Amino acid sequence: MREIINKGGFAIYEENNVAYFVDFKVGLFYTLSFILLLITSLLSIISFAFFEFNLKFGLILFMVSIFFGIFSYKSIKHLQKKTSVDFINSNITIIIDFDKKKVLNSQGEILSNLENIFFFKELQISSSASSLNLRLENSKKMKIFKFNGLIGGEKLFINYLKQKGIWKNK
């Protein structure tokens, strides 16, 4: 199994001309880590400013910033642990068999022929980032990945689909 792309909690693996699209389900942890790091930084800076005026309040703020720093660290470690999971234990969203020209679900059941599908981007209402979607031959839409605006990475996945000749953004 060869890792092709691993970015923002999503990955594509290939083996024998079969692509596995994997979602590690960590989108919220990226946002949580960012917010916790931001709060930690702001509280640290503010606490140092307060040391001069009110040492006791400055120390309290600094202790709170350490508390947020610990949660930031734990959140980042959790991200690293979730995205380094073995491929076998990961959450596969779809499988594309390029030799048989089939699109399969995570259980290996045929969803569609490769010629009858197309991928497209769609803006997420709850986010500034887009999602990568798949339109099947029966007009059914599947969300493959919901990207996070803080991480990016959607261009890597779109470039992969273009290289494989299956990006038909309609």
N, C-alpha and C. Protein backbone atom coordinates (compact mmCIF):
# COMPACT_ATOMS: atom_id res chain seq x y z
N MET A 1 0.85 -1.17 0.00
CA MET A 1 0.00 0.00 0.00
C MET A 1 0.90 1.24 0.00
N ARG A 2 0.65 2.13 -0.93
CA ARG A 2 1.47 3.33 -1.08
C ARG A 2 0.63 4.56 -0.79
N GLU A 3 1.11 5.40 0.10
CA GLU A 3 0.42 6.65 0.42
C GLU A 3 0.72 7.66 -0.68
N ILE A 4 -0.31 8.19 -1.30
CA ILE A 4 -0.16 9.19 -2.37
C ILE A 4 -0.25 10.59 -1.79
N ILE A 5 -1.31 10.84 -1.02
CA ILE A 5 -1.53 12.15 -0.39
C ILE A 5 -2.02 11.90 1.03
N ASN A 6 -1.53 12.73 1.95
CA ASN A 6 -2.03 12.72 3.32
C ASN A 6 -1.99 14.16 3.81
N LYS A 7 -3.16 14.81 3.80
CA LYS A 7 -3.21 16.23 4.15
C LYS A 7 -4.54 16.56 4.81
N GLY A 8 -4.49 17.25 5.91
CA GLY A 8 -5.69 17.77 6.55
C GLY A 8 -6.65 16.72 7.06
N GLY A 9 -6.16 15.55 7.43
CA GLY A 9 -7.03 14.51 7.94
C GLY A 9 -7.63 13.62 6.87
N PHE A 10 -7.16 13.79 5.63
CA PHE A 10 -7.63 12.97 4.51
C PHE A 10 -6.42 12.38 3.81
N ALA A 11 -6.62 11.23 3.17
CA ALA A 11 -5.51 10.59 2.48
C ALA A 11 -6.03 9.78 1.29
N ILE A 12 -5.12 9.56 0.34
CA ILE A 12 -5.38 8.64 -0.76
C ILE A 12 -4.22 7.65 -0.78
N TYR A 13 -4.57 6.37 -0.77
CA TYR A 13 -3.59 5.29 -0.86
C TYR A 13 -3.85 4.54 -2.16
N GLU A 14 -2.80 3.98 -2.72
CA GLU A 14 -2.93 3.18 -3.94
C GLU A 14 -2.24 1.84 -3.78
N GLU A 15 -2.86 0.84 -4.39
CA GLU A 15 -2.25 -0.49 -4.46
C GLU A 15 -2.84 -1.19 -5.69
N ASN A 16 -1.97 -1.66 -6.57
CA ASN A 16 -2.38 -2.39 -7.77
C ASN A 16 -3.43 -1.62 -8.59
N ASN A 17 -3.20 -0.33 -8.79
CA ASN A 17 -4.07 0.54 -9.59
C ASN A 17 -5.48 0.67 -8.99
N VAL A 18 -5.56 0.56 -7.67
CA VAL A 18 -6.79 0.78 -6.93
C VAL A 18 -6.52 1.90 -5.93
N ALA A 19 -7.37 2.93 -5.94
CA ALA A 19 -7.20 4.08 -5.05
C ALA A 19 -8.20 3.99 -3.90
N TYR A 20 -7.71 4.22 -2.69
CA TYR A 20 -8.53 4.20 -1.49
C TYR A 20 -8.56 5.62 -0.92
N PHE A 21 -9.76 6.20 -0.81
CA PHE A 21 -9.92 7.54 -0.26
C PHE A 21 -10.27 7.39 1.22
N VAL A 22 -9.44 7.99 2.09
CA VAL A 22 -9.56 7.77 3.52
C VAL A 22 -9.83 9.09 4.24
N ASP A 23 -10.79 9.06 5.13
CA ASP A 23 -11.12 10.20 5.99
C ASP A 23 -10.79 9.78 7.42
N PHE A 24 -9.84 10.48 8.06
CA PHE A 24 -9.44 10.13 9.42
C PHE A 24 -10.37 10.71 10.48
N LYS A 25 -11.37 11.48 10.06
CA LYS A 25 -12.37 12.06 10.97
C LYS A 25 -11.74 12.92 12.07
N VAL A 26 -10.90 13.86 11.65
CA VAL A 26 -10.23 14.72 12.64
C VAL A 26 -10.43 16.21 12.36
N GLY A 27 -11.37 16.57 11.51
CA GLY A 27 -11.57 17.97 11.13
C GLY A 27 -11.75 18.91 12.31
N LEU A 28 -12.56 18.51 13.28
CA LEU A 28 -12.80 19.36 14.44
C LEU A 28 -11.56 19.53 15.30
N PHE A 29 -10.69 18.54 15.31
CA PHE A 29 -9.48 18.63 16.14
C PHE A 29 -8.49 19.65 15.58
N TYR A 30 -8.48 19.83 14.26
CA TYR A 30 -7.63 20.88 13.68
C TYR A 30 -8.12 22.25 14.15
N THR A 31 -9.41 22.46 14.10
CA THR A 31 -9.98 23.74 14.52
C THR A 31 -9.78 23.93 16.02
N LEU A 32 -10.03 22.89 16.80
CA LEU A 32 -9.85 22.97 18.25
C LEU A 32 -8.40 23.27 18.61
N SER A 33 -7.46 22.61 17.95
CA SER A 33 -6.03 22.85 18.21
C SER A 33 -5.67 24.29 17.91
N PHE A 34 -6.16 24.80 16.78
CA PHE A 34 -5.87 26.19 16.40
C PHE A 34 -6.41 27.16 17.44
N ILE A 35 -7.65 26.97 17.86
CA ILE A 35 -8.26 27.88 18.83
C ILE A 35 -7.54 27.81 20.17
N LEU A 36 -7.21 26.59 20.62
CA LEU A 36 -6.50 26.44 21.89
C LEU A 36 -5.11 27.10 21.84
N LEU A 37 -4.41 26.94 20.73
CA LEU A 37 -3.10 27.60 20.59
C LEU A 37 -3.24 29.11 20.58
N LEU A 38 -4.27 29.60 19.93
CA LEU A 38 -4.52 31.04 19.89
C LEU A 38 -4.81 31.59 21.29
N ILE A 39 -5.67 30.90 22.03
CA ILE A 39 -6.00 31.33 23.39
C ILE A 39 -4.76 31.27 24.27
N THR A 40 -3.98 30.21 24.15
CA THR A 40 -2.75 30.07 24.93
C THR A 40 -1.81 31.24 24.68
N SER A 41 -1.61 31.56 23.41
CA SER A 41 -0.71 32.67 23.06
C SER A 41 -1.21 34.00 23.60
N LEU A 42 -2.48 34.26 23.40
CA LEU A 42 -3.04 35.54 23.86
C LEU A 42 -2.98 35.66 25.38
N LEU A 43 -3.33 34.60 26.09
CA LEU A 43 -3.28 34.66 27.55
C LEU A 43 -1.85 34.83 28.06
N SER A 44 -0.90 34.20 27.40
CA SER A 44 0.50 34.35 27.81
C SER A 44 0.96 35.79 27.64
N ILE A 45 0.65 36.38 26.51
CA ILE A 45 1.06 37.77 26.24
C ILE A 45 0.39 38.72 27.23
N ILE A 46 -0.91 38.54 27.44
CA ILE A 46 -1.64 39.41 28.37
C ILE A 46 -1.12 39.25 29.79
N SER A 47 -0.79 38.01 30.17
CA SER A 47 -0.31 37.79 31.54
C SER A 47 1.01 38.51 31.78
N PHE A 48 1.90 38.50 30.78
CA PHE A 48 3.17 39.21 30.94
C PHE A 48 2.95 40.72 31.05
N ALA A 49 1.95 41.23 30.34
CA ALA A 49 1.64 42.67 30.45
C ALA A 49 1.11 43.00 31.85
N PHE A 50 0.37 42.07 32.44
CA PHE A 50 -0.20 42.32 33.77
C PHE A 50 0.82 42.14 34.89
N PHE A 51 1.94 41.46 34.66
CA PHE A 51 2.95 41.29 35.69
C PHE A 51 3.40 42.63 36.26
N GLU A 52 3.48 43.62 35.40
CA GLU A 52 3.96 44.94 35.82
C GLU A 52 2.95 45.67 36.69
N PHE A 53 1.65 45.48 36.41
CA PHE A 53 0.61 46.22 37.12
C PHE A 53 0.05 45.46 38.31
N ASN A 54 -0.16 44.17 38.13
CA ASN A 54 -0.77 43.36 39.18
C ASN A 54 -0.17 41.96 39.09
N LEU A 55 0.83 41.71 39.89
CA LEU A 55 1.58 40.45 39.82
C LEU A 55 0.67 39.23 40.04
N LYS A 56 -0.22 39.33 41.02
CA LYS A 56 -1.09 38.21 41.34
C LYS A 56 -2.00 37.85 40.15
N PHE A 57 -2.64 38.86 39.56
CA PHE A 57 -3.53 38.62 38.41
C PHE A 57 -2.71 38.13 37.21
N GLY A 58 -1.51 38.65 37.03
CA GLY A 58 -0.64 38.20 35.94
C GLY A 58 -0.27 36.74 36.09
N LEU A 59 0.04 36.31 37.32
CA LEU A 59 0.36 34.91 37.57
C LEU A 59 -0.84 33.99 37.33
N ILE A 60 -2.01 34.45 37.73
CA ILE A 60 -3.23 33.66 37.50
C ILE A 60 -3.45 33.48 36.00
N LEU A 61 -3.34 34.56 35.24
CA LEU A 61 -3.49 34.48 33.78
C LEU A 61 -2.44 33.55 33.17
N PHE A 62 -1.23 33.63 33.68
CA PHE A 62 -0.17 32.77 33.16
C PHE A 62 -0.47 31.29 33.45
N MET A 63 -0.99 30.99 34.63
CA MET A 63 -1.35 29.62 34.97
C MET A 63 -2.50 29.13 34.07
N VAL A 64 -3.46 30.00 33.79
CA VAL A 64 -4.55 29.63 32.88
C VAL A 64 -4.00 29.36 31.49
N SER A 65 -3.02 30.17 31.05
CA SER A 65 -2.43 29.95 29.72
C SER A 65 -1.69 28.60 29.67
N ILE A 66 -1.06 28.22 30.78
CA ILE A 66 -0.40 26.91 30.84
C ILE A 66 -1.44 25.80 30.73
N PHE A 67 -2.57 25.98 31.40
CA PHE A 67 -3.68 25.02 31.33
C PHE A 67 -4.14 24.85 29.88
N PHE A 68 -4.35 25.95 29.16
CA PHE A 68 -4.75 25.88 27.75
C PHE A 68 -3.63 25.29 26.89
N GLY A 69 -2.40 25.56 27.26
CA GLY A 69 -1.26 24.99 26.53
C GLY A 69 -1.22 23.48 26.63
N ILE A 70 -1.56 22.96 27.81
CA ILE A 70 -1.59 21.50 28.00
C ILE A 70 -2.69 20.89 27.12
N PHE A 71 -3.86 21.53 27.09
CA PHE A 71 -4.93 21.03 26.22
C PHE A 71 -4.55 21.13 24.75
N SER A 72 -3.82 22.19 24.39
CA SER A 72 -3.35 22.32 23.00
C SER A 72 -2.44 21.16 22.64
N TYR A 73 -1.52 20.87 23.52
CA TYR A 73 -0.58 19.77 23.31
C TYR A 73 -1.32 18.44 23.16
N LYS A 74 -2.28 18.19 24.06
CA LYS A 74 -3.04 16.93 23.99
C LYS A 74 -3.84 16.84 22.70
N SER A 75 -4.41 17.95 22.26
CA SER A 75 -5.19 17.97 21.03
C SER A 75 -4.30 17.68 19.82
N ILE A 76 -3.12 18.26 19.78
CA ILE A 76 -2.18 18.03 18.67
C ILE A 76 -1.70 16.58 18.68
N LYS A 77 -1.40 16.05 19.85
CA LYS A 77 -0.98 14.64 19.95
C LYS A 77 -2.10 13.70 19.48
N HIS A 78 -3.33 14.04 19.81
CA HIS A 78 -4.47 13.23 19.36
C HIS A 78 -4.56 13.26 17.83
N LEU A 79 -4.35 14.42 17.24
CA LEU A 79 -4.34 14.54 15.77
C LEU A 79 -3.27 13.65 15.16
N GLN A 80 -2.09 13.71 15.71
CA GLN A 80 -0.99 12.90 15.19
C GLN A 80 -1.30 11.41 15.30
N LYS A 81 -1.90 11.02 16.41
CA LYS A 81 -2.24 9.62 16.62
C LYS A 81 -3.31 9.16 15.63
N LYS A 82 -4.35 9.97 15.43
CA LYS A 82 -5.45 9.59 14.53
C LYS A 82 -5.00 9.53 13.07
N THR A 83 -4.10 10.42 12.65
CA THR A 83 -3.69 10.44 11.25
C THR A 83 -2.55 9.48 10.96
N SER A 84 -2.02 8.83 11.98
CA SER A 84 -0.97 7.84 11.74
C SER A 84 -1.49 6.41 11.93
N VAL A 85 -2.80 6.26 11.90
CA VAL A 85 -3.45 4.96 12.06
C VAL A 85 -3.10 4.08 10.87
N ASP A 86 -2.99 2.79 11.11
CA ASP A 86 -2.78 1.85 10.01
C ASP A 86 -3.90 1.98 9.01
N PHE A 87 -3.57 1.75 7.76
CA PHE A 87 -4.57 1.85 6.69
C PHE A 87 -5.75 0.92 6.96
N ILE A 88 -5.51 -0.24 7.49
CA ILE A 88 -6.57 -1.23 7.72
C ILE A 88 -7.59 -0.72 8.73
N ASN A 89 -7.15 0.10 9.68
CA ASN A 89 -8.05 0.62 10.71
C ASN A 89 -8.63 1.99 10.36
N SER A 90 -8.47 2.43 9.13
CA SER A 90 -8.93 3.76 8.77
C SER A 90 -10.32 3.72 8.16
N ASN A 91 -10.91 4.90 8.03
CA ASN A 91 -12.27 5.04 7.52
C ASN A 91 -12.22 5.32 6.01
N ILE A 92 -12.47 4.31 5.21
CA ILE A 92 -12.43 4.47 3.75
C ILE A 92 -13.78 5.03 3.30
N THR A 93 -13.73 6.12 2.52
CA THR A 93 -14.97 6.69 2.01
C THR A 93 -15.37 6.05 0.68
N ILE A 94 -14.43 5.97 -0.27
CA ILE A 94 -14.69 5.27 -1.53
C ILE A 94 -13.42 4.58 -2.00
N ILE A 95 -13.61 3.65 -2.93
CA ILE A 95 -12.51 2.94 -3.57
C ILE A 95 -12.71 3.07 -5.07
N ILE A 96 -11.65 3.41 -5.79
CA ILE A 96 -11.73 3.48 -7.25
C ILE A 96 -10.78 2.44 -7.83
N ASP A 97 -11.34 1.50 -8.56
CA ASP A 97 -10.55 0.48 -9.24
C ASP A 97 -10.39 0.93 -10.69
N PHE A 98 -9.17 1.39 -11.02
CA PHE A 98 -8.93 1.94 -12.35
C PHE A 98 -8.86 0.85 -13.42
N ASP A 99 -8.43 -0.36 -13.04
CA ASP A 99 -8.36 -1.45 -14.02
C ASP A 99 -9.75 -1.92 -14.42
N LYS A 100 -10.62 -2.10 -13.43
CA LYS A 100 -11.99 -2.56 -13.71
C LYS A 100 -12.94 -1.42 -14.04
N LYS A 101 -12.43 -0.15 -13.87
CA LYS A 101 -13.21 1.06 -14.14
C LYS A 101 -14.50 1.08 -13.31
N LYS A 102 -14.35 0.83 -12.00
CA LYS A 102 -15.49 0.80 -11.08
C LYS A 102 -15.22 1.71 -9.89
N VAL A 103 -16.30 2.26 -9.35
CA VAL A 103 -16.26 3.01 -8.09
C VAL A 103 -16.98 2.15 -7.07
N LEU A 104 -16.31 1.91 -5.94
CA LEU A 104 -16.84 1.02 -4.90
C LEU A 104 -17.01 1.76 -3.59
N ASN A 105 -17.92 1.29 -2.75
CA ASN A 105 -18.02 1.85 -1.41
C ASN A 105 -16.98 1.18 -0.50
N SER A 106 -16.99 1.51 0.76
CA SER A 106 -15.97 1.00 1.67
C SER A 106 -16.06 -0.51 1.89
N GLN A 107 -17.21 -1.10 1.61
CA GLN A 107 -17.37 -2.55 1.75
C GLN A 107 -17.02 -3.29 0.45
N GLY A 108 -16.67 -2.55 -0.60
CA GLY A 108 -16.31 -3.17 -1.87
C GLY A 108 -17.48 -3.39 -2.80
N GLU A 109 -18.65 -2.86 -2.47
CA GLU A 109 -19.82 -2.98 -3.34
C GLU A 109 -19.75 -1.93 -4.44
N ILE A 110 -20.14 -2.31 -5.65
CA ILE A 110 -20.05 -1.41 -6.80
C ILE A 110 -21.10 -0.31 -6.67
N LEU A 111 -20.65 0.94 -6.79
CA LEU A 111 -21.54 2.09 -6.78
C LEU A 111 -21.84 2.57 -8.20
N SER A 112 -20.80 2.52 -9.06
CA SER A 112 -20.98 3.06 -10.40
C SER A 112 -19.80 2.67 -11.28
N ASN A 113 -19.98 2.84 -12.58
CA ASN A 113 -18.88 2.72 -13.52
C ASN A 113 -18.09 4.02 -13.50
N LEU A 114 -16.81 3.94 -13.70
CA LEU A 114 -15.94 5.11 -13.64
C LEU A 114 -16.30 6.16 -14.69
N GLU A 115 -16.76 5.72 -15.85
CA GLU A 115 -17.09 6.66 -16.93
C GLU A 115 -18.33 7.49 -16.62
N ASN A 116 -19.16 7.04 -15.69
CA ASN A 116 -20.44 7.70 -15.42
C ASN A 116 -20.43 8.57 -14.17
N ILE A 117 -19.27 8.87 -13.66
CA ILE A 117 -19.19 9.69 -12.44
C ILE A 117 -18.44 10.98 -12.73
N PHE A 118 -18.60 11.94 -11.85
CA PHE A 118 -17.71 13.10 -11.89
C PHE A 118 -17.58 13.68 -10.49
N PHE A 119 -16.42 14.25 -10.24
CA PHE A 119 -16.12 14.90 -8.96
C PHE A 119 -16.37 16.39 -9.11
N PHE A 120 -16.77 17.03 -8.03
CA PHE A 120 -16.95 18.47 -8.04
C PHE A 120 -16.73 19.03 -6.65
N LYS A 121 -16.40 20.32 -6.63
CA LYS A 121 -16.22 21.04 -5.37
C LYS A 121 -17.53 21.72 -5.03
N GLU A 122 -17.76 21.87 -3.74
CA GLU A 122 -18.96 22.56 -3.28
C GLU A 122 -18.60 23.32 -2.01
N LEU A 123 -19.05 24.54 -1.90
CA LEU A 123 -18.77 25.33 -0.71
C LEU A 123 -19.62 24.81 0.45
N GLN A 124 -18.99 24.61 1.59
CA GLN A 124 -19.71 24.17 2.78
C GLN A 124 -20.37 25.38 3.43
N ILE A 125 -21.59 25.26 3.81
CA ILE A 125 -22.32 26.38 4.41
C ILE A 125 -21.70 26.76 5.75
N SER A 126 -21.25 25.78 6.51
CA SER A 126 -20.74 26.02 7.86
C SER A 126 -19.25 26.35 7.89
N SER A 127 -18.61 26.50 6.73
CA SER A 127 -17.17 26.68 6.70
C SER A 127 -16.77 27.56 5.52
N SER A 128 -15.56 28.07 5.59
CA SER A 128 -15.03 28.84 4.47
C SER A 128 -14.34 27.93 3.45
N ALA A 129 -14.29 26.66 3.74
CA ALA A 129 -13.63 25.70 2.86
C ALA A 129 -14.66 24.95 2.02
N SER A 130 -14.15 24.25 1.03
CA SER A 130 -15.05 23.49 0.17
C SER A 130 -15.01 22.02 0.54
N SER A 131 -15.91 21.28 -0.07
CA SER A 131 -15.92 19.83 0.10
C SER A 131 -15.74 19.20 -1.27
N LEU A 132 -15.18 18.01 -1.27
CA LEU A 132 -15.01 17.25 -2.50
C LEU A 132 -16.16 16.25 -2.57
N ASN A 133 -16.91 16.33 -3.66
CA ASN A 133 -18.10 15.50 -3.82
C ASN A 133 -17.99 14.63 -5.06
N LEU A 134 -18.78 13.58 -5.06
CA LEU A 134 -18.83 12.65 -6.18
C LEU A 134 -20.28 12.53 -6.62
N ARG A 135 -20.51 12.72 -7.91
CA ARG A 135 -21.85 12.52 -8.47
C ARG A 135 -21.85 11.18 -9.20
N LEU A 136 -22.72 10.29 -8.76
CA LEU A 136 -22.81 8.96 -9.35
C LEU A 136 -23.77 8.97 -10.53
N GLU A 137 -23.79 7.87 -11.28
CA GLU A 137 -24.62 7.79 -12.48
C GLU A 137 -26.11 7.87 -12.17
N ASN A 138 -26.53 7.53 -10.98
CA ASN A 138 -27.95 7.63 -10.62
C ASN A 138 -28.28 8.99 -10.02
N SER A 139 -27.42 9.98 -10.24
CA SER A 139 -27.55 11.36 -9.75
C SER A 139 -27.43 11.48 -8.25
N LYS A 140 -27.01 10.42 -7.60
CA LYS A 140 -26.78 10.48 -6.16
C LYS A 140 -25.46 11.20 -5.90
N LYS A 141 -25.48 12.11 -4.92
CA LYS A 141 -24.28 12.86 -4.55
C LYS A 141 -23.69 12.28 -3.28
N MET A 142 -22.36 12.12 -3.27
CA MET A 142 -21.65 11.64 -2.09
C MET A 142 -20.60 12.67 -1.69
N LYS A 143 -20.55 13.03 -0.41
CA LYS A 143 -19.46 13.85 0.09
C LYS A 143 -18.28 12.93 0.37
N ILE A 144 -17.17 13.20 -0.30
CA ILE A 144 -15.99 12.38 -0.09
C ILE A 144 -15.16 12.96 1.05
N PHE A 145 -14.81 14.24 0.95
CA PHE A 145 -14.04 14.93 1.98
C PHE A 145 -14.64 16.29 2.25
N LYS A 146 -14.69 16.68 3.53
CA LYS A 146 -15.07 18.03 3.93
C LYS A 146 -13.80 18.72 4.41
N PHE A 147 -13.25 19.57 3.56
CA PHE A 147 -11.97 20.20 3.88
C PHE A 147 -12.12 21.24 4.97
N ASN A 148 -11.01 21.55 5.63
CA ASN A 148 -10.94 22.53 6.70
C ASN A 148 -10.19 23.74 6.18
N GLY A 149 -10.77 24.93 6.32
CA GLY A 149 -10.16 26.16 5.83
C GLY A 149 -8.82 26.48 6.46
N LEU A 150 -8.56 25.96 7.66
CA LEU A 150 -7.29 26.22 8.34
C LEU A 150 -6.15 25.39 7.77
N ILE A 151 -6.46 24.26 7.16
CA ILE A 151 -5.43 23.34 6.70
C ILE A 151 -5.21 23.43 5.20
N GLY A 152 -6.29 23.49 4.46
CA GLY A 152 -6.17 23.46 3.00
C GLY A 152 -5.95 22.04 2.51
N GLY A 153 -5.33 21.92 1.35
CA GLY A 153 -5.02 20.60 0.82
C GLY A 153 -5.92 20.15 -0.30
N GLU A 154 -7.02 20.87 -0.53
CA GLU A 154 -7.96 20.42 -1.56
C GLU A 154 -7.32 20.38 -2.94
N LYS A 155 -6.39 21.29 -3.21
CA LYS A 155 -5.74 21.32 -4.53
C LYS A 155 -4.93 20.05 -4.79
N LEU A 156 -4.32 19.51 -3.75
CA LEU A 156 -3.57 18.26 -3.90
C LEU A 156 -4.47 17.13 -4.37
N PHE A 157 -5.65 17.04 -3.79
CA PHE A 157 -6.59 15.98 -4.15
C PHE A 157 -7.16 16.20 -5.55
N ILE A 158 -7.46 17.45 -5.87
CA ILE A 158 -7.99 17.75 -7.20
C ILE A 158 -6.93 17.47 -8.27
N ASN A 159 -5.68 17.82 -7.99
CA ASN A 159 -4.60 17.52 -8.94
C ASN A 159 -4.44 16.02 -9.15
N TYR A 160 -4.59 15.25 -8.10
CA TYR A 160 -4.53 13.79 -8.22
C TYR A 160 -5.64 13.30 -9.15
N LEU A 161 -6.85 13.79 -8.93
CA LEU A 161 -7.99 13.37 -9.76
C LEU A 161 -7.79 13.79 -11.21
N LYS A 162 -7.20 14.97 -11.43
CA LYS A 162 -6.91 15.42 -12.79
C LYS A 162 -5.86 14.52 -13.45
N GLN A 163 -4.82 14.16 -12.69
CA GLN A 163 -3.78 13.27 -13.23
C GLN A 163 -4.36 11.91 -13.64
N LYS A 164 -5.33 11.45 -12.89
CA LYS A 164 -5.95 10.16 -13.19
C LYS A 164 -7.02 10.28 -14.29
N GLY A 165 -7.31 11.52 -14.69
CA GLY A 165 -8.30 11.75 -15.75
C GLY A 165 -9.73 11.59 -15.30
N ILE A 166 -9.98 11.74 -14.02
CA ILE A 166 -11.37 11.57 -13.53
C ILE A 166 -11.93 12.85 -12.91
N TRP A 167 -11.24 13.96 -13.08
CA TRP A 167 -11.78 15.24 -12.60
C TRP A 167 -12.55 15.86 -13.74
N LYS A 168 -13.85 15.91 -13.59
CA LYS A 168 -14.73 16.48 -14.62
C LYS A 168 -15.64 17.48 -13.95
N ASN A 169 -15.10 18.47 -13.30
CA ASN A 169 -15.87 19.42 -12.51
C ASN A 169 -17.00 20.00 -13.34
N LYS A 170 -18.22 19.49 -13.12
CA LYS A 170 -19.42 19.96 -13.86
C LYS A 170 -20.32 20.72 -12.95
